Amino acid sequence: MTKARDIMTGGVECVDENENVQDAARKMRDLDVGSLPICGDDNRLKGMLTDRDIVIKVVAEGRDPAATRAGELASGEVVTIGADDPVDEILRTMKQHKVRRLPVVDGHDLVGVVSQGDVARNIDETKVGELVEAISS
C-alpha cells in the first residue's frame, strides 16, 4: 500500500513564524515554490504561507512586507497528513479541505509535503481527475 511518505517531497524548508513576509517571498523565489510551511520556535507547524496569501493579505492591503511577520498570515487549523497514511486518506483530506498541498508529519515533526503534482505522478489518473475537480469547485 502506497503511503504519504512514499510520494511526498521531503526536505521541506520552513519559514519561521517571526520571519518577515519579504524574506519569505525571497525564499519562495529561490526555492521555486508557491508555498512554505510556517514553523514556530518550537519547530512545530503553525500554518502554510502561499504566494497568494502574500498578494491578497499583504500587497493588496497595502501592508509592508518587510514589517509583516509570516506568523500573522497563519490562520485557522493546519490540515496535515500522517507519514504512514495511505493515498486514499490523502485524497479524502485534499478533497474535504480543498487544498493542493498537505504537510506530512511524523509525530509532531514536519517531514515533507504532498502536492497535487505528487499525487498526479503516483496514482491512477481517474482519481487524480476527481481530486482536481473537487479542489477546483
C-alpha atoms as a PDB file:
ATOM      1  CA  MET A   1       0.000   0.000   0.000  1.00  0.00           C
ATOM      2  CA  THR A   2       1.385   3.402  -1.017  1.00  0.00           C
ATOM      3  CA  LYS A   3       1.765   5.832   1.869  1.00  0.00           C
ATOM      4  CA  ALA A   4       2.264   9.574   2.111  1.00  0.00           C
ATOM      5  CA  ARG A   5       5.982   9.113   2.818  1.00  0.00           C
ATOM      6  CA  ASP A   6       6.305   7.191  -0.473  1.00  0.00           C
ATOM      7  CA  ILE A   7       5.084  10.052  -2.675  1.00  0.00           C
ATOM      8  CA  MET A   8       5.848  13.201  -0.653  1.00  0.00           C
ATOM      9  CA  THR A   9       8.522  15.750  -1.384  1.00  0.00           C
ATOM     10  CA  GLY A  10      10.902  15.584   1.546  1.00  0.00           C
ATOM     11  CA  GLY A  11      13.453  18.042   2.854  1.00  0.00           C
ATOM     12  CA  VAL A  12      10.908  20.812   3.129  1.00  0.00           C
ATOM     13  CA  GLU A  13      12.135  24.204   4.295  1.00  0.00           C
ATOM     14  CA  CYS A  14      10.039  26.205   6.714  1.00  0.00           C
ATOM     15  CA  VAL A  15       9.622  29.906   7.069  1.00  0.00           C
ATOM     16  CA  ASP A  16       9.938  30.915  10.719  1.00  0.00           C
ATOM     17  CA  GLU A  17       6.766  32.446  12.163  1.00  0.00           C
ATOM     18  CA  ASN A  18       8.796  35.556  13.111  1.00  0.00           C
ATOM     19  CA  GLU A  19      10.407  35.931   9.683  1.00  0.00           C
ATOM     20  CA  ASN A  20       9.070  38.807   7.621  1.00  0.00           C
ATOM     21  CA  VAL A  21       6.975  38.189   4.528  1.00  0.00           C
ATOM     22  CA  GLN A  22       9.501  39.848   2.224  1.00  0.00           C
ATOM     23  CA  ASP A  23      12.171  37.317   3.268  1.00  0.00           C
ATOM     24  CA  ALA A  24       9.622  34.504   2.942  1.00  0.00           C
ATOM     25  CA  ALA A  25       8.833  35.641  -0.619  1.00  0.00           C
ATOM     26  CA  ARG A  26      12.542  35.637  -1.471  1.00  0.00           C
ATOM     27  CA  LYS A  27      12.822  32.116  -0.057  1.00  0.00           C
ATOM     28  CA  MET A  28       9.881  31.033  -2.248  1.00  0.00           C
ATOM     29  CA  ARG A  29      11.580  32.577  -5.277  1.00  0.00           C
ATOM     30  CA  ASP A  30      14.927  30.952  -4.515  1.00  0.00           C
ATOM     31  CA  LEU A  31      13.342  27.537  -3.915  1.00  0.00           C
ATOM     32  CA  ASP A  32      10.951  27.965  -6.870  1.00  0.00           C
ATOM     33  CA  VAL A  33       7.908  27.076  -4.747  1.00  0.00           C
ATOM     34  CA  GLY A  34       4.484  28.669  -4.280  1.00  0.00           C
ATOM     35  CA  SER A  35       4.087  27.852  -0.610  1.00  0.00           C
ATOM     36  CA  LEU A  36       6.100  27.279   2.528  1.00  0.00           C
ATOM     37  CA  PRO A  37       5.180  25.748   5.861  1.00  0.00           C
ATOM     38  CA  ILE A  38       5.256  28.250   8.736  1.00  0.00           C
ATOM     39  CA  CYS A  39       7.118  26.791  11.719  1.00  0.00           C
ATOM     40  CA  GLY A  40       7.373  28.131  15.246  1.00  0.00           C
ATOM     41  CA  ASP A  41      10.359  28.417  17.545  1.00  0.00           C
ATOM     42  CA  ASP A  42       9.340  25.003  18.880  1.00  0.00           C
ATOM     43  CA  ASN A  43       9.786  23.639  15.324  1.00  0.00           C
ATOM     44  CA  ARG A  44       6.078  22.811  15.165  1.00  0.00           C
ATOM     45  CA  LEU A  45       3.950  23.550  12.144  1.00  0.00           C
ATOM     46  CA  LYS A  46       1.872  26.735  12.580  1.00  0.00           C
ATOM     47  CA  GLY A  47       0.391  27.056   9.101  1.00  0.00           C
ATOM     48  CA  MET A  48       1.116  27.357   5.422  1.00  0.00           C
ATOM     49  CA  LEU A  49       2.125  30.549   3.631  1.00  0.00           C
ATOM     50  CA  THR A  50       1.282  30.781  -0.055  1.00  0.00           C
ATOM     51  CA  ASP A  51       2.259  33.275  -2.696  1.00  0.00           C
ATOM     52  CA  ARG A  52      -1.451  34.074  -2.944  1.00  0.00           C
ATOM     53  CA  ASP A  53      -1.558  34.897   0.800  1.00  0.00           C
ATOM     54  CA  ILE A  54       1.249  37.392   0.263  1.00  0.00           C
ATOM     55  CA  VAL A  55      -0.535  39.067  -2.637  1.00  0.00           C
ATOM     56  CA  ILE A  56      -4.033  39.143  -1.112  1.00  0.00           C
ATOM     57  CA  LYS A  57      -3.290  39.700   2.578  1.00  0.00           C
ATOM     58  CA  VAL A  58      -0.212  41.905   2.336  1.00  0.00           C
ATOM     59  CA  VAL A  59       0.302  43.602  -1.028  1.00  0.00           C
ATOM     60  CA  ALA A  60      -3.377  44.221  -1.852  1.00  0.00           C
ATOM     61  CA  GLU A  61      -3.980  45.543   1.679  1.00  0.00           C
ATOM     62  CA  GLY A  62      -1.065  47.975   1.441  1.00  0.00           C
ATOM     63  CA  ARG A  63       0.832  46.301   4.283  1.00  0.00           C
ATOM     64  CA  ASP A  64       4.618  46.465   4.410  1.00  0.00           C
ATOM     65  CA  PRO A  65       6.045  43.007   3.552  1.00  0.00           C
ATOM     66  CA  ALA A  66       9.221  43.844   5.480  1.00  0.00           C
ATOM     67  CA  ALA A  67       7.182  44.634   8.613  1.00  0.00           C
ATOM     68  CA  THR A  68       4.637  41.799   8.371  1.00  0.00           C
ATOM     69  CA  ARG A  69       5.555  38.527  10.077  1.00  0.00           C
ATOM     70  CA  ALA A  70       4.789  35.235   8.342  1.00  0.00           C
ATOM     71  CA  GLY A  71       3.057  34.025  11.508  1.00  0.00           C
ATOM     72  CA  GLU A  72       0.486  36.821  11.162  1.00  0.00           C
ATOM     73  CA  LEU A  73      -0.763  35.109   7.991  1.00  0.00           C
ATOM     74  CA  ALA A  74      -1.145  31.655   9.548  1.00  0.00           C
ATOM     75  CA  SER A  75      -4.871  31.304  10.063  1.00  0.00           C
ATOM     76  CA  GLY A  76      -7.098  28.504  11.248  1.00  0.00           C
ATOM     77  CA  GLU A  77      -6.177  24.922  11.929  1.00  0.00           C
ATOM     78  CA  VAL A  78      -3.389  23.425   9.840  1.00  0.00           C
ATOM     79  CA  VAL A  79      -4.545  20.458   7.777  1.00  0.00           C
ATOM     80  CA  THR A  80      -1.878  17.728   7.749  1.00  0.00           C
ATOM     81  CA  ILE A  81      -1.488  14.094   6.821  1.00  0.00           C
ATOM     82  CA  GLY A  82       0.469  11.419   8.666  1.00  0.00           C
ATOM     83  CA  ALA A  83       3.565   9.993   7.007  1.00  0.00           C
ATOM     84  CA  ASP A  84       2.102   6.483   7.142  1.00  0.00           C
ATOM     85  CA  ASP A  85      -1.389   7.439   5.956  1.00  0.00           C
ATOM     86  CA  PRO A  86      -2.469   5.724   2.722  1.00  0.00           C
ATOM     87  CA  VAL A  87      -3.036   7.536  -0.563  1.00  0.00           C
ATOM     88  CA  ASP A  88      -6.832   7.211  -0.208  1.00  0.00           C
ATOM     89  CA  GLU A  89      -6.610   9.253   3.010  1.00  0.00           C
ATOM     90  CA  ILE A  90      -4.528  11.893   1.217  1.00  0.00           C
ATOM     91  CA  LEU A  91      -7.192  12.150  -1.493  1.00  0.00           C
ATOM     92  CA  ARG A  92     -10.024  12.347   1.050  1.00  0.00           C
ATOM     93  CA  THR A  93      -8.245  15.058   3.041  1.00  0.00           C
ATOM     94  CA  MET A  94      -7.337  17.152  -0.017  1.00  0.00           C
ATOM     95  CA  LYS A  95     -10.906  16.939  -1.340  1.00  0.00           C
ATOM     96  CA  GLN A  96     -12.543  17.668   2.013  1.00  0.00           C
ATOM     97  CA  HIS A  97     -10.386  20.726   2.738  1.00  0.00           C
ATOM     98  CA  LYS A  98      -9.915  21.785  -0.908  1.00  0.00           C
ATOM     99  CA  VAL A  99      -6.148  22.047  -0.593  1.00  0.00           C
ATOM    100  CA  ARG A 100      -3.475  21.426  -3.203  1.00  0.00           C
ATOM    101  CA  ARG A 101      -0.684  20.769  -0.708  1.00  0.00           C
ATOM    102  CA  LEU A 102      -0.645  18.791   2.528  1.00  0.00           C
ATOM    103  CA  PRO A 103       2.173  18.981   5.058  1.00  0.00           C
ATOM    104  CA  VAL A 104       3.266  15.477   6.066  1.00  0.00           C
ATOM    105  CA  VAL A 105       4.007  14.929   9.745  1.00  0.00           C
ATOM    106  CA  ASP A 106       5.591  12.053  11.584  1.00  0.00           C
ATOM    107  CA  GLY A 107       4.501  12.547  15.185  1.00  0.00           C
ATOM    108  CA  HIS A 108       4.926  16.313  15.548  1.00  0.00           C
ATOM    109  CA  ASP A 109       7.812  16.595  13.075  1.00  0.00           C
ATOM    110  CA  LEU A 110       7.286  18.015   9.592  1.00  0.00           C
ATOM    111  CA  VAL A 111       8.880  15.518   7.201  1.00  0.00           C
ATOM    112  CA  GLY A 112       7.558  16.627   3.823  1.00  0.00           C
ATOM    113  CA  VAL A 113       4.696  17.915   1.717  1.00  0.00           C
ATOM    114  CA  VAL A 114       2.387  16.028  -0.625  1.00  0.00           C
ATOM    115  CA  SER A 115       1.286  18.238  -3.508  1.00  0.00           C
ATOM    116  CA  GLN A 116      -1.379  17.714  -6.110  1.00  0.00           C
ATOM    117  CA  GLY A 117       1.521  17.086  -8.529  1.00  0.00           C
ATOM    118  CA  ASP A 118       2.966  14.359  -6.287  1.00  0.00           C
ATOM    119  CA  VAL A 119      -0.429  12.682  -6.285  1.00  0.00           C
ATOM    120  CA  ALA A 120      -0.765  13.025 -10.070  1.00  0.00           C
ATOM    121  CA  ARG A 121       2.591  11.333 -10.658  1.00  0.00           C
ATOM    122  CA  ASN A 122       1.847   8.404  -8.369  1.00  0.00           C
ATOM    123  CA  ILE A 123      -1.786   7.319  -8.581  1.00  0.00           C
ATOM    124  CA  ASP A 124      -4.491   6.334 -11.046  1.00  0.00           C
ATOM    125  CA  GLU A 125      -5.383   9.223 -13.356  1.00  0.00           C
ATOM    126  CA  THR A 126      -9.134   8.771 -12.765  1.00  0.00           C
ATOM    127  CA  LYS A 127      -8.629   9.526  -9.084  1.00  0.00           C
ATOM    128  CA  VAL A 128      -6.416  12.494  -9.981  1.00  0.00           C
ATOM    129  CA  GLY A 129      -9.193  13.899 -12.171  1.00  0.00           C
ATOM    130  CA  GLU A 130     -11.689  13.549  -9.328  1.00  0.00           C
ATOM    131  CA  LEU A 131      -9.273  15.310  -6.972  1.00  0.00           C
ATOM    132  CA  VAL A 132      -8.666  18.232  -9.331  1.00  0.00           C
ATOM    133  CA  GLU A 133     -12.402  18.616  -9.901  1.00  0.00           C
ATOM    134  CA  ALA A 134     -13.157  18.570  -6.152  1.00  0.00           C
ATOM    135  CA  ILE A 135     -10.423  21.084  -5.306  1.00  0.00           C
ATOM    136  CA  SER A 136     -11.320  23.420  -8.148  1.00  0.00           C
ATOM    137  CA  SER A 137     -15.043  23.598  -7.469  1.00  0.00           C
END
